[in-house]
Amino acid sequence: MHDARLQPAPTPARPAPATDFDSRELMRGTREVLIRHGDQVYRLRHTRNDKLILVK
């Protein structure tokens, strides 16, 4: 007979580490880029105050 209590628990898969992007790489010298996510388009803006704003 097989006793499940004696079996070691499976090791959970580790999530992939987050990818790191430099904002200059994303913006490519512009103040605004469009990011498509599924059917939605988002606008990422670099402000005069050196902040990033993401809007739908």
C-alpha atoms as a PDB file:
ATOM      1  CA  MET A   1       0.000   0.000   0.000  1.00  0.00           C
ATOM      2  CA  HIS A   2       1.159   3.559  -0.722  1.00  0.00           C
ATOM      3  CA  ASP A   3       1.240   6.088   2.132  1.00  0.00           C
ATOM      4  CA  ALA A   4       1.249   9.710   0.807  1.00  0.00           C
ATOM      5  CA  ARG A   5       2.385  10.997   4.201  1.00  0.00           C
ATOM      6  CA  LEU A   6       5.832   9.526   3.631  1.00  0.00           C
ATOM      7  CA  GLN A   7       6.387  11.312   0.317  1.00  0.00           C
ATOM      8  CA  PRO A   8       8.259  14.637   0.355  1.00  0.00           C
ATOM      9  CA  ALA A   9       6.223  17.632  -0.725  1.00  0.00           C
ATOM     10  CA  PRO A  10       7.011  18.844  -4.246  1.00  0.00           C
ATOM     11  CA  THR A  11       9.228  21.904  -4.393  1.00  0.00           C
ATOM     12  CA  PRO A  12       7.187  24.920  -5.554  1.00  0.00           C
ATOM     13  CA  ALA A  13       8.403  26.619  -8.718  1.00  0.00           C
ATOM     14  CA  ARG A  14      10.204  29.903  -8.136  1.00  0.00           C
ATOM     15  CA  PRO A  15       8.818  32.945  -9.936  1.00  0.00           C
ATOM     16  CA  ALA A  16      11.079  34.412 -12.583  1.00  0.00           C
ATOM     17  CA  PRO A  17      13.009  37.463 -11.371  1.00  0.00           C
ATOM     18  CA  ALA A  18      11.698  40.830 -12.528  1.00  0.00           C
ATOM     19  CA  THR A  19      13.351  42.283 -15.610  1.00  0.00           C
ATOM     20  CA  ASP A  20      15.149  45.563 -14.975  1.00  0.00           C
ATOM     21  CA  PHE A  21      14.878  48.321 -17.612  1.00  0.00           C
ATOM     22  CA  ASP A  22      16.482  51.751 -17.511  1.00  0.00           C
ATOM     23  CA  SER A  23      13.842  54.414 -18.209  1.00  0.00           C
ATOM     24  CA  ARG A  24      16.144  56.009 -20.800  1.00  0.00           C
ATOM     25  CA  GLU A  25      16.072  52.697 -22.657  1.00  0.00           C
ATOM     26  CA  LEU A  26      12.255  52.723 -22.657  1.00  0.00           C
ATOM     27  CA  MET A  27      11.838  56.391 -23.524  1.00  0.00           C
ATOM     28  CA  ARG A  28      14.500  56.443 -26.285  1.00  0.00           C
ATOM     29  CA  GLY A  29      15.057  60.185 -25.947  1.00  0.00           C
ATOM     30  CA  THR A  30      11.348  61.093 -26.033  1.00  0.00           C
ATOM     31  CA  ARG A  31       9.073  62.415 -23.286  1.00  0.00           C
ATOM     32  CA  GLU A  32       6.262  59.930 -23.963  1.00  0.00           C
ATOM     33  CA  VAL A  33       5.833  56.311 -25.108  1.00  0.00           C
ATOM     34  CA  LEU A  34       2.794  54.127 -25.688  1.00  0.00           C
ATOM     35  CA  ILE A  35       2.678  50.694 -24.075  1.00  0.00           C
ATOM     36  CA  ARG A  36       0.267  48.104 -25.440  1.00  0.00           C
ATOM     37  CA  HIS A  37      -1.031  45.580 -22.879  1.00  0.00           C
ATOM     38  CA  GLY A  38      -3.552  43.178 -24.385  1.00  0.00           C
ATOM     39  CA  ASP A  39      -6.295  45.296 -25.930  1.00  0.00           C
ATOM     40  CA  GLN A  40      -5.380  48.375 -23.867  1.00  0.00           C
ATOM     41  CA  VAL A  41      -2.907  51.157 -24.661  1.00  0.00           C
ATOM     42  CA  TYR A  42      -1.168  53.028 -21.847  1.00  0.00           C
ATOM     43  CA  ARG A  43       0.815  56.263 -22.083  1.00  0.00           C
ATOM     44  CA  LEU A  44       4.054  56.575 -20.098  1.00  0.00           C
ATOM     45  CA  ARG A  45       5.130  60.202 -19.700  1.00  0.00           C
ATOM     46  CA  HIS A  46       8.380  61.663 -18.375  1.00  0.00           C
ATOM     47  CA  THR A  47       7.494  64.947 -16.663  1.00  0.00           C
ATOM     48  CA  ARG A  48       9.488  68.152 -16.311  1.00  0.00           C
ATOM     49  CA  ASN A  49       9.856  67.256 -12.616  1.00  0.00           C
ATOM     50  CA  ASP A  50      11.686  64.052 -13.650  1.00  0.00           C
ATOM     51  CA  LYS A  51       8.777  61.782 -12.662  1.00  0.00           C
ATOM     52  CA  LEU A  52       7.169  58.968 -14.661  1.00  0.00           C
ATOM     53  CA  ILE A  53       3.389  58.891 -15.029  1.00  0.00           C
ATOM     54  CA  LEU A  54       1.501  55.923 -16.503  1.00  0.00           C
ATOM     55  CA  VAL A  55      -2.071  56.613 -17.647  1.00  0.00           C
ATOM     56  CA  LYS A  56      -4.674  54.642 -19.538  1.00  0.00           C
END
